[in-house]
Amino acid sequence: MKRQDFLRKMRDRRRGGAIEERHPEIRRKVDWRTLRVDLPGADDPLPEAEATAVGLLYRLPGSVRLDATEPCWVRGYRLYETDGQQRAEFQYRPVAPGSEPPPGATALTPGSRWEPRS
């Protein structure tokens, strides 16, 4: 028996001999943007706020703060160190006003402030 015949026979056995209609895989069309920043040290002066697509980002010693100017979702905050430099990383996504965030994400409205929990 050839390999292709064997594989076809096994697929038919798993499907119970019936033809199974196949649908193309539908992937999420979610555009999460990852932002990685260097954080200042405790003795360094605080840098100016940086404008992002969803608001102003403030880099603080050991953390970040996002003041939203557009509706967005935020998730996945991570604080880590590379070669003695402290860095932070999180993801954000601009959204339509009033949309429900997925599990693990925080919804921000214009004028709200986000600071990660340590």
C-alpha atoms as a PDB file:
ATOM      1  CA  MET A   1       0.000   0.000   0.000  1.00  0.00           C
ATOM      2  CA  LYS A   2       1.360   3.418  -0.900  1.00  0.00           C
ATOM      3  CA  ARG A   3       1.739   6.088   1.754  1.00  0.00           C
ATOM      4  CA  GLN A   4      -0.923   8.337   0.200  1.00  0.00           C
ATOM      5  CA  ASP A   5      -3.431   5.487   0.170  1.00  0.00           C
ATOM      6  CA  PHE A   6      -2.659   4.718   3.796  1.00  0.00           C
ATOM      7  CA  LEU A   7      -3.107   8.359   4.850  1.00  0.00           C
ATOM      8  CA  ARG A   8      -6.395   8.654   2.936  1.00  0.00           C
ATOM      9  CA  LYS A   9      -7.649   5.458   4.563  1.00  0.00           C
ATOM     10  CA  MET A  10      -6.725   6.751   8.047  1.00  0.00           C
ATOM     11  CA  ARG A  11      -8.431  10.115   7.406  1.00  0.00           C
ATOM     12  CA  ASP A  12     -11.573   8.325   6.223  1.00  0.00           C
ATOM     13  CA  ARG A  13     -11.530   6.114   9.309  1.00  0.00           C
ATOM     14  CA  ARG A  14     -11.243   9.169  11.616  1.00  0.00           C
ATOM     15  CA  ARG A  15     -14.114  10.897   9.842  1.00  0.00           C
ATOM     16  CA  GLY A  16     -16.280   7.813  10.018  1.00  0.00           C
ATOM     17  CA  GLY A  17     -16.293   7.312   6.262  1.00  0.00           C
ATOM     18  CA  ALA A  18     -18.232  10.541   5.693  1.00  0.00           C
ATOM     19  CA  ILE A  19     -16.965  13.465   3.732  1.00  0.00           C
ATOM     20  CA  GLU A  20     -16.034  16.273   6.048  1.00  0.00           C
ATOM     21  CA  GLU A  21     -16.475  19.737   4.634  1.00  0.00           C
ATOM     22  CA  ARG A  22     -13.362  21.783   5.206  1.00  0.00           C
ATOM     23  CA  HIS A  23     -13.408  25.488   5.868  1.00  0.00           C
ATOM     24  CA  PRO A  24     -10.385  27.717   5.526  1.00  0.00           C
ATOM     25  CA  GLU A  25      -8.893  28.778   8.824  1.00  0.00           C
ATOM     26  CA  ILE A  26     -10.129  32.163   9.899  1.00  0.00           C
ATOM     27  CA  ARG A  27      -7.489  34.070  11.809  1.00  0.00           C
ATOM     28  CA  ARG A  28      -8.221  36.991  14.049  1.00  0.00           C
ATOM     29  CA  LYS A  29      -7.831  40.356  12.424  1.00  0.00           C
ATOM     30  CA  VAL A  30      -6.593  41.993  15.606  1.00  0.00           C
ATOM     31  CA  ASP A  31      -3.781  44.465  15.316  1.00  0.00           C
ATOM     32  CA  TRP A  32      -1.942  44.505  18.650  1.00  0.00           C
ATOM     33  CA  ARG A  33       1.092  46.760  18.629  1.00  0.00           C
ATOM     34  CA  THR A  34       4.007  45.965  20.919  1.00  0.00           C
ATOM     35  CA  LEU A  35       5.842  48.858  22.523  1.00  0.00           C
ATOM     36  CA  ARG A  36       9.266  48.298  24.112  1.00  0.00           C
ATOM     37  CA  VAL A  37      10.927  51.175  25.965  1.00  0.00           C
ATOM     38  CA  ASP A  38      14.060  51.788  28.030  1.00  0.00           C
ATOM     39  CA  LEU A  39      13.253  53.028  31.505  1.00  0.00           C
ATOM     40  CA  PRO A  40      15.280  55.740  33.238  1.00  0.00           C
ATOM     41  CA  GLY A  41      17.273  54.937  36.348  1.00  0.00           C
ATOM     42  CA  ALA A  42      16.359  56.268  39.777  1.00  0.00           C
ATOM     43  CA  ASP A  43      18.995  59.040  39.480  1.00  0.00           C
ATOM     44  CA  ASP A  44      18.301  59.944  35.832  1.00  0.00           C
ATOM     45  CA  PRO A  45      16.065  62.894  34.917  1.00  0.00           C
ATOM     46  CA  LEU A  46      12.581  61.904  33.716  1.00  0.00           C
ATOM     47  CA  PRO A  47      12.238  62.048  29.932  1.00  0.00           C
ATOM     48  CA  GLU A  48       9.488  64.032  28.232  1.00  0.00           C
ATOM     49  CA  ALA A  49       6.196  62.312  27.436  1.00  0.00           C
ATOM     50  CA  GLU A  50       6.213  60.466  24.118  1.00  0.00           C
ATOM     51  CA  ALA A  51       3.214  60.620  21.794  1.00  0.00           C
ATOM     52  CA  THR A  52       1.847  57.250  20.639  1.00  0.00           C
ATOM     53  CA  ALA A  53      -1.130  56.418  18.439  1.00  0.00           C
ATOM     54  CA  VAL A  54      -3.399  56.151  21.500  1.00  0.00           C
ATOM     55  CA  GLY A  55      -2.008  58.736  23.928  1.00  0.00           C
ATOM     56  CA  LEU A  56       0.990  60.012  25.844  1.00  0.00           C
ATOM     57  CA  LEU A  57       3.525  57.558  27.270  1.00  0.00           C
ATOM     58  CA  TYR A  58       5.516  58.531  30.358  1.00  0.00           C
ATOM     59  CA  ARG A  59       8.642  56.531  31.185  1.00  0.00           C
ATOM     60  CA  LEU A  60       9.177  56.357  34.952  1.00  0.00           C
ATOM     61  CA  PRO A  61      11.835  54.564  37.020  1.00  0.00           C
ATOM     62  CA  GLY A  62      10.576  50.988  37.259  1.00  0.00           C
ATOM     63  CA  SER A  63       7.288  51.536  35.389  1.00  0.00           C
ATOM     64  CA  VAL A  64       5.392  53.317  32.621  1.00  0.00           C
ATOM     65  CA  ARG A  65       2.197  55.367  32.491  1.00  0.00           C
ATOM     66  CA  LEU A  66      -0.141  55.833  29.532  1.00  0.00           C
ATOM     67  CA  ASP A  67      -2.581  58.753  29.400  1.00  0.00           C
ATOM     68  CA  ALA A  68      -5.079  57.755  26.708  1.00  0.00           C
ATOM     69  CA  THR A  69      -6.320  60.279  24.147  1.00  0.00           C
ATOM     70  CA  GLU A  70      -8.059  57.620  22.014  1.00  0.00           C
ATOM     71  CA  PRO A  71     -10.096  54.541  22.997  1.00  0.00           C
ATOM     72  CA  CYS A  72      -7.775  51.546  23.234  1.00  0.00           C
ATOM     73  CA  TRP A  73      -7.037  48.253  24.921  1.00  0.00           C
ATOM     74  CA  VAL A  74      -3.798  47.522  26.793  1.00  0.00           C
ATOM     75  CA  ARG A  75      -2.371  44.136  27.794  1.00  0.00           C
ATOM     76  CA  GLY A  76       0.760  42.105  28.446  1.00  0.00           C
ATOM     77  CA  TYR A  77       2.930  44.384  30.580  1.00  0.00           C
ATOM     78  CA  ARG A  78       6.384  42.998  31.271  1.00  0.00           C
ATOM     79  CA  LEU A  79       9.320  44.533  33.132  1.00  0.00           C
ATOM     80  CA  TYR A  80      12.777  43.091  32.448  1.00  0.00           C
ATOM     81  CA  GLU A  81      16.460  43.970  32.457  1.00  0.00           C
ATOM     82  CA  THR A  82      18.940  43.747  29.572  1.00  0.00           C
ATOM     83  CA  ASP A  83      22.650  44.458  30.075  1.00  0.00           C
ATOM     84  CA  GLY A  84      21.930  46.428  33.237  1.00  0.00           C
ATOM     85  CA  GLN A  85      19.268  48.575  31.503  1.00  0.00           C
ATOM     86  CA  GLN A  86      15.725  48.247  32.820  1.00  0.00           C
ATOM     87  CA  ARG A  87      13.122  47.899  30.065  1.00  0.00           C
ATOM     88  CA  ALA A  88       9.353  47.612  29.849  1.00  0.00           C
ATOM     89  CA  GLU A  89       7.094  46.092  27.211  1.00  0.00           C
ATOM     90  CA  PHE A  90       3.334  46.070  26.661  1.00  0.00           C
ATOM     91  CA  GLN A  91       0.813  45.830  23.857  1.00  0.00           C
ATOM     92  CA  TYR A  92      -1.915  48.256  22.871  1.00  0.00           C
ATOM     93  CA  ARG A  93      -4.631  48.331  20.250  1.00  0.00           C
ATOM     94  CA  PRO A  94      -6.759  51.279  19.069  1.00  0.00           C
ATOM     95  CA  VAL A  95     -10.443  50.280  19.100  1.00  0.00           C
ATOM     96  CA  ALA A  96     -13.930  51.642  18.507  1.00  0.00           C
ATOM     97  CA  PRO A  97     -15.458  53.428  21.511  1.00  0.00           C
ATOM     98  CA  GLY A  98     -17.426  51.175  23.857  1.00  0.00           C
ATOM     99  CA  SER A  99     -16.025  47.871  22.582  1.00  0.00           C
ATOM    100  CA  GLU A 100     -15.550  45.064  25.095  1.00  0.00           C
ATOM    101  CA  PRO A 101     -11.897  44.044  25.702  1.00  0.00           C
ATOM    102  CA  PRO A 102     -10.798  40.407  25.537  1.00  0.00           C
ATOM    103  CA  PRO A 103      -9.823  38.603  28.750  1.00  0.00           C
ATOM    104  CA  GLY A 104      -6.591  39.964  30.194  1.00  0.00           C
ATOM    105  CA  ALA A 105      -6.836  43.351  28.478  1.00  0.00           C
ATOM    106  CA  THR A 106      -7.758  46.687  30.024  1.00  0.00           C
ATOM    107  CA  ALA A 107     -10.070  49.077  28.169  1.00  0.00           C
ATOM    108  CA  LEU A 108      -9.077  52.739  28.212  1.00  0.00           C
ATOM    109  CA  THR A 109     -11.250  55.678  27.242  1.00  0.00           C
ATOM    110  CA  PRO A 110      -9.998  59.130  26.247  1.00  0.00           C
ATOM    111  CA  GLY A 111      -8.812  60.938  29.353  1.00  0.00           C
ATOM    112  CA  SER A 112      -8.162  57.772  31.380  1.00  0.00           C
ATOM    113  CA  ARG A 113      -4.789  56.728  32.768  1.00  0.00           C
ATOM    114  CA  TRP A 114      -3.164  53.292  32.783  1.00  0.00           C
ATOM    115  CA  GLU A 115      -0.348  52.235  35.079  1.00  0.00           C
ATOM    116  CA  PRO A 116       0.553  48.554  35.314  1.00  0.00           C
ATOM    117  CA  ARG A 117       0.161  46.749  38.591  1.00  0.00           C
ATOM    118  CA  SER A 118       3.499  45.515  39.911  1.00  0.00           C
END
